[in-house]
Protein backbone atom coordinates (compact mmCIF):
# COMPACT_ATOMS: atom_id res chain seq x y z
CA MET A 1 151.07 86.62 63.83
CA LYS A 2 151.87 84.75 67.28
CA ILE A 3 148.48 85.34 68.08
CA ILE A 4 146.22 84.17 64.71
CA ARG A 5 148.11 80.80 64.96
CA ALA A 6 147.58 80.70 69.23
CA LEU A 7 143.91 80.55 67.44
CA PHE A 8 144.76 78.01 64.98
CA LEU A 9 145.40 75.68 67.10
CA LEU A 10 142.45 75.97 69.68
CA PHE A 11 140.38 74.52 67.07
CA LEU A 12 142.38 71.01 66.51
CA PRO A 13 142.62 68.24 68.26
CA VAL A 14 144.44 67.69 70.83
CA ALA A 15 146.98 65.10 69.45
CA VAL A 16 147.37 67.67 65.86
CA SER A 17 148.05 71.05 67.29
CA ALA A 18 151.06 68.85 69.21
CA HIS A 19 152.56 67.53 66.44
CA PRO A 20 155.47 65.22 67.79
CA GLY A 21 159.23 65.17 67.67
CA GLY A 22 161.11 63.13 65.48
CA GLY A 23 164.90 63.39 67.33
CA LEU A 24 166.55 60.75 69.66
CA ILE A 25 169.68 60.36 70.77
CA ALA A 26 170.97 57.65 73.41
CA LEU A 27 173.65 58.21 75.03
CA ASP A 28 173.84 54.97 77.29
CA ILE A 29 172.05 52.28 77.65
CA ASN A 30 169.24 53.92 80.38
CA THR A 31 169.69 57.63 78.67
CA VAL A 32 168.77 59.48 76.17
CA VAL A 33 167.55 62.85 74.86
CA PHE A 34 165.49 64.53 73.06
CA GLY A 35 163.26 67.51 71.73
CA ASP A 36 159.39 67.81 73.33
CA PRO A 37 157.42 70.56 71.06
CA MET A 38 154.02 70.16 73.58
CA ASN A 39 156.63 71.73 76.28
CA ASN A 40 158.84 73.67 74.71
CA ALA A 41 161.44 71.89 75.77
CA VAL A 42 165.28 69.29 75.60
CA TRP A 43 165.53 66.71 77.85
CA ARG A 44 167.43 64.69 79.48
CA LEU A 45 165.88 61.03 79.92
CA GLU A 46 167.63 59.04 82.94
CA LYS A 47 165.93 55.22 84.05
CA GLY A 48 164.99 55.77 87.56
CA LYS A 49 165.40 59.43 87.73
CA GLN A 50 163.68 62.99 86.70
CA PRO A 51 163.79 64.17 84.21
CA GLN A 52 166.71 66.51 83.91
CA PRO A 53 165.52 70.06 80.93
CA LEU A 54 169.04 70.44 79.36
CA ALA A 55 166.95 73.44 77.35
CA ARG A 56 163.87 75.18 77.52
CA ASN A 57 161.66 77.99 75.74
CA LEU A 58 162.48 75.93 72.60
CA HIS A 59 159.93 74.48 69.92
CA VAL A 60 161.59 71.56 69.18
CA HIS A 61 161.00 69.09 66.53
CA TRP A 62 164.20 67.69 65.83
CA THR A 63 167.25 66.64 67.66
CA ILE A 64 170.49 65.00 67.05
CA ARG A 65 174.25 64.37 67.20
CA GLY A 66 176.70 65.31 64.92
CA LEU A 67 179.80 63.99 64.01
CA ASP A 68 181.48 66.44 66.22
CA GLY A 69 179.93 64.60 69.12
CA GLN A 70 177.79 67.54 69.78
CA LEU A 71 174.18 67.64 70.41
CA TYR A 72 171.84 70.04 68.22
CA SER A 73 167.86 71.55 68.60
CA GLU A 74 165.94 73.63 66.38
CA SER A 75 163.73 76.13 66.59
CA PHE A 76 162.22 76.34 63.16
CA GLN A 77 158.16 77.11 63.34
CA GLU A 78 158.85 80.07 66.35
CA ILE A 79 159.36 83.58 64.36
CA GLY A 80 162.23 84.07 64.54
CA GLY A 81 164.03 80.52 65.00
CA ALA A 82 167.38 79.00 64.87
CA LEU A 83 168.87 76.33 65.38
CA PHE A 84 171.13 76.06 68.57
CA ARG A 85 173.19 73.44 70.45
CA VAL A 86 172.72 72.10 73.33
CA PHE A 87 174.62 71.28 76.34
CA LEU A 88 174.44 68.24 78.90
CA ASP A 89 174.92 70.25 81.75
CA ALA A 90 171.97 72.80 80.76
CA SER A 91 174.10 75.43 79.90
CA LYS A 92 172.61 78.15 78.09
CA PRO A 93 172.18 77.07 74.17
CA VAL A 94 173.81 78.51 72.38
CA LYS A 95 173.14 79.80 69.14
CA VAL A 96 174.46 78.48 65.14
CA ALA A 97 172.71 79.94 62.77
CA GLU A 98 169.27 81.87 62.05
CA GLU A 99 166.16 79.80 60.28
CA SER A 100 166.62 81.23 57.49
CA GLN A 101 170.20 80.60 56.26
CA VAL A 102 168.84 76.69 56.39
CA ASN A 103 165.26 77.40 55.09
CA ALA A 104 165.06 72.98 55.63
CA PRO A 105 162.95 72.23 58.84
CA VAL A 106 165.94 68.81 59.60
CA PHE A 107 169.38 68.70 59.74
CA ALA A 108 172.56 67.07 60.64
CA ILE A 109 176.41 68.21 61.66
CA GLY A 110 179.38 67.19 60.30
CA LYS A 111 182.54 66.95 61.61
CA HIS A 112 184.38 70.46 61.30
CA GLY A 113 180.40 72.21 62.80
CA GLU A 114 178.65 72.29 58.96
CA ILE A 115 175.50 72.12 59.23
CA ILE A 116 173.64 69.98 56.07
CA PHE A 117 170.70 70.13 54.91
CA GLN A 118 168.58 70.42 51.43
CA LYS A 119 167.49 72.79 49.21
CA GLY A 120 165.61 71.85 46.42
CA ALA A 121 166.96 68.52 45.30
CA GLN A 122 170.46 68.47 46.40
CA ILE A 123 171.57 68.85 49.86
CA LEU A 124 174.44 71.59 50.92
CA ASP A 125 176.61 72.33 54.23
CA ARG A 126 177.10 75.25 55.65
CA THR A 127 180.51 76.13 57.64
CA SER A 128 181.32 77.48 59.64
CA ASP A 129 182.20 81.64 58.21
CA GLY A 130 179.17 81.15 56.40
CA LYS A 131 179.51 79.63 52.56
CA VAL A 132 177.83 76.57 50.90
CA ARG A 133 178.67 74.58 49.01
CA PRO A 134 177.37 70.68 47.36
CA PHE A 135 177.84 68.32 50.58
CA ARG A 136 181.27 66.47 49.87
CA GLY A 137 181.36 67.52 45.73
CA SER A 138 177.86 66.09 45.08
CA GLY A 139 174.79 66.03 46.91
CA GLU A 140 172.51 65.53 44.06
CA VAL A 141 170.50 61.63 43.18
CA ALA A 142 172.18 59.93 41.03
CA LYS A 143 171.26 59.58 37.91
CA GLY A 144 168.72 56.95 37.01
CA GLU A 145 167.41 57.06 41.18
CA PRO A 146 164.37 59.34 41.43
CA PRO A 147 164.14 62.81 42.87
CA LEU A 148 164.76 63.86 45.77
CA GLN A 149 161.62 64.83 48.26
CA GLN A 150 161.59 66.59 51.27
CA VAL A 151 163.90 65.57 53.32
CA ILE A 152 162.84 64.49 57.13
CA ALA A 153 166.08 62.77 59.39
CA TYR A 154 169.35 62.42 58.66
CA HIS A 155 171.80 60.23 59.97
CA TRP A 156 175.13 59.55 60.87
CA SER A 157 176.76 55.77 61.14
CA ALA A 158 179.86 54.58 62.34
CA ASP A 159 182.49 55.12 58.85
CA GLU A 160 180.27 58.74 58.60
CA THR A 161 177.91 57.25 56.20
CA LEU A 162 175.05 60.22 55.94
CA TYR A 163 171.57 58.57 55.60
CA LEU A 164 168.59 60.33 55.51
CA SER A 165 164.80 59.96 54.38
CA ASP A 166 162.41 61.44 51.89
CA GLY A 167 159.28 60.82 51.78
CA GLY A 168 159.66 56.49 52.38
CA ARG A 169 163.06 56.01 51.21
CA LEU A 170 165.28 55.48 52.92
CA ARG A 171 168.95 57.04 51.39
CA ARG A 172 172.51 57.61 51.79
CA VAL A 173 175.63 59.21 50.94
CA GLY A 174 179.25 58.29 50.47
CA THR A 175 182.44 59.91 50.59
CA ASP A 176 181.63 61.11 46.47
CA GLY A 177 178.42 62.98 47.81
CA ILE A 178 176.33 61.27 45.47
CA VAL A 179 172.97 60.32 47.29
CA ARG A 180 172.08 56.78 47.10
CA LEU A 181 168.08 54.86 47.54
CA VAL A 182 168.70 52.19 50.19
CA ALA A 183 165.80 51.00 50.43
CA VAL A 184 162.17 52.06 50.44
CA VAL A 185 159.17 51.65 52.51
CA ASP A 186 155.61 50.97 52.38
CA GLY A 187 151.75 50.02 53.58
CA LYS A 188 148.88 51.72 54.13
CA LEU A 189 148.36 54.10 56.76
CA ILE A 190 145.85 53.27 60.12
CA GLU A 191 143.56 55.76 61.41
CA PRO A 192 143.84 57.93 62.59
CA LYS A 193 145.37 59.45 59.71
CA ILE A 194 147.44 62.65 61.69
CA TRP A 195 150.39 63.84 61.54
CA ASN A 196 151.13 63.45 58.08
CA PRO A 197 149.46 66.15 55.57
CA THR A 198 150.57 63.51 52.36
CA GLY A 199 148.89 60.30 52.38
CA ALA A 200 152.01 58.74 51.53
CA PRO A 201 154.21 56.55 54.59
CA ARG A 202 157.51 58.73 55.56
CA ILE A 203 160.29 58.05 58.04
CA TRP A 204 160.99 60.08 60.36
CA SER A 205 163.45 58.54 61.36
CA ILE A 206 166.62 56.44 61.43
CA ALA A 207 169.33 54.33 63.47
CA ILE A 208 171.32 52.01 63.01
CA ASP A 209 172.62 49.00 65.79
CA ASP A 210 176.25 47.72 66.24
CA ARG A 211 175.28 44.63 63.42
CA LYS A 212 174.25 47.33 60.06
CA ARG A 213 170.87 46.86 61.17
CA ILE A 214 169.51 49.81 59.94
CA PHE A 215 165.66 50.30 62.46
CA THR A 216 162.33 53.19 60.30
CA ALA A 217 160.28 54.98 62.41
CA LEU A 218 157.28 54.98 60.23
CA PRO A 219 153.99 56.74 62.63
CA ASP A 220 152.14 57.07 59.08
CA LEU A 221 152.76 53.17 59.10
CA GLY A 222 152.00 53.28 63.03
CA GLN A 223 155.20 50.57 62.85
CA VAL A 224 159.28 50.84 63.30
CA VAL A 225 160.83 48.55 60.94
CA ARG A 226 164.35 46.70 60.30
CA ILE A 227 166.06 47.01 56.70
CA ASP A 228 169.20 44.31 57.38
CA ARG A 229 172.73 44.18 55.58
CA ASP A 230 170.67 41.62 53.04
CA GLY A 231 168.12 44.50 51.78
CA SER A 232 165.35 42.12 53.63
CA GLN A 233 163.16 44.36 55.78
CA HIS A 234 160.77 42.90 59.00
CA ILE A 235 158.42 44.58 61.42
CA VAL A 236 159.98 45.25 65.23
CA ASN A 237 157.53 46.99 66.60
CA ARG A 238 153.55 47.63 66.03
CA SER A 239 151.40 50.29 67.43
CA VAL A 240 149.36 49.78 70.34
CA GLY A 241 147.37 51.15 72.62
CA GLY A 242 147.58 54.74 70.03
CA TRP A 243 151.34 55.15 70.86
CA ARG A 244 152.77 55.21 68.46
CA ALA A 245 157.56 55.92 67.80
CA THR A 246 158.34 59.09 66.00
CA ALA A 247 161.87 58.57 66.78
CA VAL A 248 164.14 55.38 66.84
CA ALA A 249 167.65 55.22 68.55
CA THR A 250 170.10 52.42 69.12
CA PHE A 251 172.86 52.25 71.79
CA GLY A 252 174.60 48.22 71.60
CA ASP A 253 172.19 45.75 71.46
CA SER A 254 169.00 48.32 72.88
CA LEU A 255 166.77 50.18 71.25
CA PHE A 256 165.07 52.93 72.00
CA LEU A 257 161.73 54.89 70.92
CA LEU A 258 160.34 57.89 71.45
CA GLU A 259 156.12 57.12 70.76
CA SER A 260 153.84 59.93 71.18
CA ASN A 261 149.68 58.60 71.48
CA ASP A 262 147.32 59.70 68.40
CA THR A 263 144.06 59.90 70.32
CA THR A 264 145.14 60.90 74.05
CA ASN A 265 146.71 64.39 75.31
CA THR A 266 149.08 62.31 77.52
CA GLY A 267 153.03 63.67 76.43
CA GLN A 268 155.87 62.09 75.30
CA ARG A 269 157.29 58.67 76.54
CA VAL A 270 160.32 57.04 75.14
CA ARG A 271 160.74 52.81 75.71
CA VAL A 272 163.51 50.58 75.45
CA ILE A 273 164.01 47.00 73.95
CA ARG A 274 166.76 44.77 74.59
CA ALA A 275 168.85 42.89 72.91
CA SER A 276 166.33 39.75 75.29
CA GLY A 277 162.99 41.05 73.76
CA LYS A 278 162.58 42.92 76.70
CA ASP A 279 160.61 45.72 76.26
CA GLU A 280 160.52 48.77 79.48
CA LEU A 281 159.41 51.99 79.75
CA LEU A 282 161.92 54.49 80.82
CA GLY A 283 160.07 57.29 81.85
CA GLN A 284 157.94 59.65 80.42
CA ILE A 285 157.21 63.41 79.95
CA GLY A 286 153.15 64.51 80.59
CA PRO A 287 151.79 67.71 79.07
CA ASN A 288 152.15 71.15 80.84
CA VAL A 289 155.14 69.45 83.27
CA PHE A 290 156.51 73.11 84.00
CA ALA A 291 153.16 74.14 84.97
CA ARG A 292 152.90 71.34 87.91
CA ARG A 293 155.85 71.77 89.30
């Protein structure tokens, strides 16, 4: 199976075969962690320093910080894939669950290490002893609201509200476990139309700043859209030179963007937009980085 898949990928355009990741974690104003499916690694990237691999040989598309404060990544698109806890000291990742136990492309992690994931029309959680139950007693969409499509991003707010996205919809789940619509982000897909089999814009990543403004990465539109507390939407970043933001994170007043190029195989880079509006390149991970070392 691996040989067949590898041969198939050889015939795809380079940028398409290197489907980028959607998880980004800001540790401080100059340091981030993210997954890199091109180099099969999880990176710690600090401004002015060489990138440090926290984990290798993991085909990572999703990386998140749990409500327990720990970092988690996955290798769900590999045969025998699994969910792992990753450590900042680069010690060996710990397997938390098999892919078959989650069976979802993305997940969140709760305060006690429970795995939160989608199954059909419902959000569930799986405790460390393997018990699966409705998230916060429900995990169902509020009556009268659009049914849940495939969830592609999660994010915890400071008050432990869980935000999630399905397609261009942003939703939240409060203490009652009911999934409620927050906003819908829409627009015309830009060319080339890659990384998206649906033909509709999708929110790949969610972040919330100290002012409770919500940032969403929409690479299909080549945009990062901010949703303010009054519900108004503002485009705060657009694709330039083929670089599209696939993930967002915040730390204080700094907005971090994880970007991939839609036409050239140049790896992932991270930019940060400061409160002053100043745009900085935090760093870049090129392709085949381990082969060059």
